[in-house]
Protein backbone atom coordinates (compact mmCIF):
# COMPACT_ATOMS: atom_id res chain seq x y z
CA UNK A 1 -15.26 -8.27 9.45
CA UNK A 2 -16.37 -5.37 11.66
CA UNK A 3 -17.71 -6.16 15.12
CA UNK A 4 -21.52 -6.05 15.22
CA UNK A 5 -21.92 -6.08 19.00
CA UNK A 6 -21.98 -2.29 19.48
CA UNK A 7 -25.32 -1.30 21.00
CA UNK A 8 -27.01 1.60 19.21
CA UNK A 9 -30.38 1.14 20.91
CA UNK A 10 -30.09 4.54 22.61
CA UNK A 11 -30.72 6.11 19.19
CA UNK A 12 -34.11 4.41 18.82
CA UNK A 13 -36.77 7.02 19.44
CA UNK A 14 -34.46 9.93 18.65
CA UNK A 15 -36.36 12.70 16.88
CA UNK A 16 -35.52 15.54 14.52
CA UNK A 17 -37.83 18.36 13.39
CA UNK A 18 -37.18 20.36 10.21
CA UNK A 19 -39.18 23.38 9.06
CA UNK A 20 -39.42 24.53 5.43
CA UNK A 21 -41.30 27.32 3.65
CA UNK A 22 -41.64 25.18 0.49
CA UNK A 23 -40.52 28.02 -1.77
CA UNK A 24 -41.17 27.91 -5.50
CA UNK A 25 -37.54 27.75 -6.68
CA UNK A 26 -36.78 24.09 -5.82
CA UNK A 27 -39.93 22.94 -7.65
CA UNK A 28 -38.94 24.90 -10.76
CA UNK A 29 -35.40 23.50 -10.56
CA UNK A 30 -36.75 19.97 -10.17
CA UNK A 31 -39.04 20.43 -13.17
CA UNK A 32 -36.07 21.55 -15.27
CA UNK A 33 -33.96 18.60 -14.09
CA UNK A 34 -36.75 16.12 -14.87
CA UNK A 35 -37.61 17.75 -18.23
CA UNK A 36 -41.13 18.56 -17.07
CA UNK A 37 -42.13 21.38 -19.40
CA UNK A 38 -45.87 20.75 -19.02
CA UNK A 39 -46.75 21.17 -15.34
CA UNK A 40 -47.39 24.72 -14.15
CA UNK A 41 -45.88 25.54 -10.77
CA UNK A 42 -46.71 28.65 -8.80
CA UNK A 43 -47.72 29.80 -5.34
CA UNK A 44 -50.35 27.38 -4.04
CA UNK A 45 -49.51 24.59 -6.51
CA UNK A 46 -49.45 21.03 -5.20
CA UNK A 47 -46.09 19.28 -5.11
CA UNK A 48 -46.06 16.07 -7.17
CA UNK A 49 -45.49 12.82 -5.26
CA UNK A 50 -41.88 12.38 -4.03
CA UNK A 51 -40.97 16.00 -4.71
CA UNK A 52 -40.94 16.58 -0.95
CA UNK A 53 -37.39 15.16 -1.20
CA UNK A 54 -36.33 18.50 -2.69
CA UNK A 55 -37.21 20.22 0.56
CA UNK A 56 -36.37 19.76 4.28
CA UNK A 57 -32.74 19.39 3.21
CA UNK A 58 -29.78 18.52 5.49
CA UNK A 59 -28.01 21.57 6.88
CA UNK A 60 -24.72 20.22 8.23
CA UNK A 61 -21.90 22.81 8.12
CA UNK A 62 -19.09 22.08 5.68
CA UNK A 63 -16.72 21.26 8.55
CA UNK A 64 -19.10 18.53 9.74
CA UNK A 65 -19.08 16.52 6.51
CA UNK A 66 -17.33 13.17 6.53
CA UNK A 67 -14.80 12.08 3.91
CA UNK A 68 -17.57 10.55 1.78
CA UNK A 69 -19.56 13.81 1.77
CA UNK A 70 -22.30 12.70 4.17
CA UNK A 71 -22.84 14.56 7.46
CA UNK A 72 -20.81 12.98 10.25
CA UNK A 73 -22.78 10.40 12.22
CA UNK A 74 -23.57 10.54 15.88
CA UNK A 75 -26.15 13.31 15.88
CA UNK A 76 -29.58 12.25 14.67
CA UNK A 77 -28.25 9.18 12.86
CA UNK A 78 -26.27 6.65 14.95
CA UNK A 79 -22.46 6.48 14.53
CA UNK A 80 -22.50 3.18 12.65
CA UNK A 81 -18.92 2.61 11.40
CA UNK A 82 -19.64 0.88 8.07
CA UNK A 83 -18.67 3.29 5.27
CA UNK A 84 -21.12 2.40 2.50
CA UNK A 85 -24.48 4.11 3.02
CA UNK A 86 -27.58 3.50 0.88
CA UNK A 87 -31.15 4.76 0.87
CA UNK A 88 -32.37 1.24 0.20
CA UNK A 89 -36.13 1.66 0.15
CA UNK A 90 -39.21 3.33 1.55
CA UNK A 91 -42.96 2.95 2.01
CA UNK A 92 -45.20 6.00 2.00
CA UNK A 93 -48.79 7.14 2.15
CA UNK A 94 -49.98 10.38 0.57
CA UNK A 95 -52.91 11.82 2.54
CA UNK A 96 -52.95 15.27 0.96
CA UNK A 97 -50.49 17.19 -1.24
CA UNK A 98 -47.95 19.59 0.18
CA UNK A 99 -48.57 23.06 -1.23
CA UNK A 100 -45.86 25.39 -2.54
CA UNK A 101 -45.16 28.61 -0.61
CA UNK A 102 -46.82 27.48 2.61
CA UNK A 103 -44.79 26.57 5.73
CA UNK A 104 -44.47 22.85 6.44
CA UNK A 105 -42.80 20.62 9.00
CA UNK A 106 -41.09 17.24 8.87
CA UNK A 107 -40.87 15.16 12.02
CA UNK A 108 -38.36 12.30 11.76
CA UNK A 109 -37.99 9.49 14.30
CA UNK A 110 -35.61 6.54 14.37
CA UNK A 111 -37.87 3.52 14.80
CA UNK A 112 -35.47 0.59 14.66
CA UNK A 113 -31.79 -0.34 14.27
CA UNK A 114 -30.75 -3.87 13.34
CA UNK A 115 -27.29 -5.31 12.73
CA UNK A 116 -26.33 -8.59 11.12
CA UNK A 117 -23.43 -10.38 9.48
CA UNK A 118 -23.62 -12.23 6.19
CA UNK A 119 -21.47 -13.55 3.41
CA UNK A 120 -21.00 -10.02 2.08
CA UNK A 121 -19.90 -8.67 5.47
CA UNK A 122 -21.56 -6.72 8.26
CA UNK A 123 -24.62 -4.57 7.72
CA UNK A 124 -26.81 -2.27 9.77
CA UNK A 125 -30.41 -1.33 8.95
CA UNK A 126 -31.87 1.91 10.28
CA UNK A 127 -35.62 2.52 9.95
CA UNK A 128 -36.66 6.19 10.01
CA UNK A 129 -40.29 7.35 10.09
CA UNK A 130 -40.80 10.78 8.52
CA UNK A 131 -44.14 12.57 8.92
CA UNK A 132 -44.86 15.74 6.95
CA UNK A 133 -47.36 18.34 8.16
CA UNK A 134 -48.85 21.49 6.70
CA UNK A 135 -51.62 23.66 8.19
CA UNK A 136 -51.76 21.24 11.11
CA UNK A 137 -52.67 18.34 8.79
CA UNK A 138 -50.69 15.16 8.21
CA UNK A 139 -49.81 15.13 4.50
CA UNK A 140 -47.28 12.32 3.99
CA UNK A 141 -46.10 9.37 6.05
CA UNK A 142 -42.82 7.83 4.91
CA UNK A 143 -40.82 5.00 6.44
CA UNK A 144 -37.26 4.99 5.10
CA UNK A 145 -34.79 2.10 5.10
CA UNK A 146 -31.19 3.27 5.41
CA UNK A 147 -28.52 0.57 5.08
CA UNK A 148 -24.88 0.77 6.12
CA UNK A 149 -22.44 -1.90 5.03
CA UNK A 150 -18.77 -2.79 5.16
CA UNK A 151 -16.54 -2.24 2.13
CA UNK A 152 -16.75 -5.14 -0.27
CA UNK A 153 -15.03 -6.25 -3.44
CA UNK A 154 -15.02 -3.96 -6.44
CA UNK A 155 -18.33 -3.90 -8.29
CA UNK A 156 -18.10 -5.19 -11.85
CA UNK A 157 -19.16 -3.08 -14.78
CA UNK A 158 -22.56 -4.39 -15.96
CA UNK A 159 -22.74 -6.02 -19.37
CA UNK A 160 -24.98 -4.32 -21.89
CA UNK A 161 -27.67 -6.45 -23.52
CA UNK A 162 -30.68 -5.81 -25.72
CA UNK A 163 -33.70 -5.57 -23.46
CA UNK A 164 -36.56 -7.88 -24.34
CA UNK A 165 -39.74 -6.10 -25.46
CA UNK A 166 -41.72 -4.56 -22.61
CA UNK A 167 -44.98 -6.38 -21.74
CA UNK A 168 -47.89 -5.47 -23.96
CA UNK A 169 -49.62 -2.35 -22.69
CA UNK A 170 -46.78 -1.46 -20.31
CA UNK A 171 -45.34 2.02 -19.98
CA UNK A 172 -41.62 2.29 -20.62
CA UNK A 173 -38.87 4.87 -20.89
CA UNK A 174 -35.13 4.74 -21.51
CA UNK A 175 -33.00 6.99 -19.26
CA UNK A 176 -29.38 7.99 -19.86
CA UNK A 177 -28.01 8.88 -16.41
CA UNK A 178 -25.22 11.20 -17.52
CA UNK A 179 -23.08 13.19 -15.05
CA UNK A 180 -25.12 16.34 -15.70
CA UNK A 181 -28.30 14.67 -14.44
CA UNK A 182 -26.54 13.20 -11.41
CA UNK A 183 -24.95 16.54 -10.52
CA UNK A 184 -28.25 18.38 -10.78
CA UNK A 185 -30.03 15.83 -8.59
CA UNK A 186 -27.24 16.04 -5.99
CA UNK A 187 -27.67 19.82 -6.01
CA UNK A 188 -31.47 19.59 -5.73
CA UNK A 189 -31.21 17.35 -2.66
CA UNK A 190 -28.10 19.07 -1.19
CA UNK A 191 -26.47 15.65 -1.24
CA UNK A 192 -22.66 15.79 -1.15
CA UNK A 193 -22.16 12.00 -1.27
CA UNK A 194 -19.15 11.77 -3.54
CA UNK A 195 -20.12 8.54 -5.31
CA UNK A 196 -22.60 10.55 -7.39
CA UNK A 197 -20.23 13.20 -8.84
CA UNK A 198 -16.58 12.41 -7.92
CA UNK A 199 -15.48 9.67 -10.31
CA UNK A 200 -11.98 9.09 -8.84
CA UNK A 201 -13.54 8.68 -5.39
CA UNK A 202 -16.38 6.43 -6.61
CA UNK A 203 -14.02 4.13 -8.52
CA UNK A 204 -10.84 4.33 -6.45
CA UNK A 205 -12.20 4.48 -2.90
CA UNK A 206 -15.56 2.68 -3.03
CA UNK A 207 -14.85 0.27 -5.89
CA UNK A 208 -17.67 1.20 -8.25
CA UNK A 209 -17.13 1.09 -12.03
CA UNK A 210 -18.58 4.59 -12.52
CA UNK A 211 -20.69 7.26 -10.89
CA UNK A 212 -23.60 5.81 -8.94
CA UNK A 213 -27.19 6.82 -9.77
CA UNK A 214 -29.00 8.04 -6.65
CA UNK A 215 -31.61 5.57 -5.44
CA UNK A 216 -34.08 8.44 -4.84
CA UNK A 217 -33.49 9.67 -8.41
CA UNK A 218 -34.49 6.27 -9.78
CA UNK A 219 -37.54 6.25 -7.50
CA UNK A 220 -38.54 9.76 -8.64
CA UNK A 221 -38.17 8.74 -12.30
CA UNK A 222 -40.41 5.72 -11.69
CA UNK A 223 -42.99 7.98 -10.04
CA UNK A 224 -42.73 10.41 -12.96
CA UNK A 225 -43.53 7.50 -15.29
CA UNK A 226 -46.75 7.02 -13.32
CA UNK A 227 -47.51 10.74 -13.32
CA UNK A 228 -47.08 10.95 -17.09
CA UNK A 229 -49.58 8.16 -17.74
CA UNK A 230 -52.06 8.36 -14.85
CA UNK A 231 -54.21 11.39 -14.07
CA UNK A 232 -55.64 10.11 -10.79
CA UNK A 233 -53.84 10.86 -7.51
CA UNK A 234 -51.27 8.45 -6.09
CA UNK A 235 -52.27 7.22 -2.61
CA UNK A 236 -49.28 5.04 -1.81
CA UNK A 237 -45.82 4.25 -3.11
CA UNK A 238 -43.05 1.89 -2.10
CA UNK A 239 -39.68 1.02 -3.58
CA UNK A 240 -36.75 -1.25 -2.91
CA UNK A 241 -33.25 -0.92 -4.31
CA UNK A 242 -31.85 -4.24 -5.50
CA UNK A 243 -28.71 -3.36 -7.47
CA UNK A 244 -26.79 -0.17 -8.24
CA UNK A 245 -27.07 1.74 -11.50
CA UNK A 246 -24.19 3.71 -13.02
CA UNK A 247 -23.63 6.51 -15.51
CA UNK A 248 -22.01 4.05 -17.94
CA UNK A 249 -25.09 3.00 -19.91
CA UNK A 250 -28.83 3.69 -20.15
CA UNK A 251 -31.38 1.96 -17.95
CA UNK A 252 -35.05 1.24 -18.64
CA UNK A 253 -38.15 2.10 -16.62
CA UNK A 254 -41.17 -0.17 -16.99
CA UNK A 255 -44.61 0.17 -15.44
CA UNK A 256 -47.73 -2.00 -15.71
CA UNK A 257 -51.10 -0.81 -14.38
CA UNK A 258 -53.84 -3.15 -13.24
CA UNK A 259 -56.99 -2.13 -11.36
CA UNK A 260 -55.49 0.78 -9.46
CA UNK A 261 -52.13 -0.86 -8.80
CA UNK A 262 -49.00 -0.09 -10.78
CA UNK A 263 -46.02 -2.46 -10.75
CA UNK A 264 -42.77 -0.70 -11.59
CA UNK A 265 -39.13 -1.56 -12.07
CA UNK A 266 -35.91 -0.01 -13.25
CA UNK A 267 -33.88 -2.43 -15.34
CA UNK A 268 -30.13 -2.08 -15.64
CA UNK A 269 -28.31 -2.35 -18.99
CA UNK A 270 -27.72 -6.01 -18.15
CA UNK A 271 -31.46 -6.65 -17.81
CA UNK A 272 -31.25 -7.09 -14.02
CA UNK A 273 -33.93 -5.36 -11.94
CA UNK A 274 -32.11 -2.59 -10.11
CA UNK A 275 -35.20 -1.23 -8.32
CA UNK A 276 -38.69 -2.59 -7.85
CA UNK A 277 -41.58 -0.35 -6.87
CA UNK A 278 -45.34 -0.18 -6.68
CA UNK A 279 -47.86 2.66 -6.71
CA UNK A 280 -51.44 2.67 -5.49
CA UNK A 281 -53.81 4.89 -7.46
CA UNK A 282 -56.91 6.51 -5.98
CA UNK A 283 -60.17 5.04 -7.22
């Protein structure tokens, strides 16, 4: 078990500012990836919720990528030694939409770093607050949970079952996360993490049974389920990753709306909830 006594407190309060012109091309590429053939995107169009993840992308030079494809740690993010990295969850508020083809700014700040040891090994939790501005106005507040963990035993391939019927009145969609979708999402987010496209690395080095579905991709798909069924603006959204999904079998998205609140989950092929989420709809 890795030592958890290293003090990373000097990284708390560290800030990073990223500018972006919010050009049209990433939005069009995202629409193609998500099979959105309905929404019109042009100069001045509002970005849908969560599509800000296709902008403000990491810019680490190729020589500064680690063996797993992530930028080497020790700059903005602390040099936590545990190799497995996950975007485990986030909570966000949408104050006003970001608009395409207008300059915007993201201000990121490390708010907290916690380390602990458990039965599955050592873990570190890094909380990052990201604030997005355009025209001097705060548009989005997002608190991200990044988790680092020690290598563990190989992850078993999930069993495939017949899902029970979705609750009456619920929205649902079946998604097949094939390598083409995972590659496109990696390209959209400039994410070189090899577990999403390099099968020998994902299975041989990190012990997964297949390519891993990006947590943000699952979150975006859940938000798209809301966007397809709800015309009113989304005011808030949160998600939490509970179990990995792989490119080996379809998964199911389910959403249930009640009085302005939408409960969401992504269910693995084994029926286990892989991600839970909630959306708050404007009245």
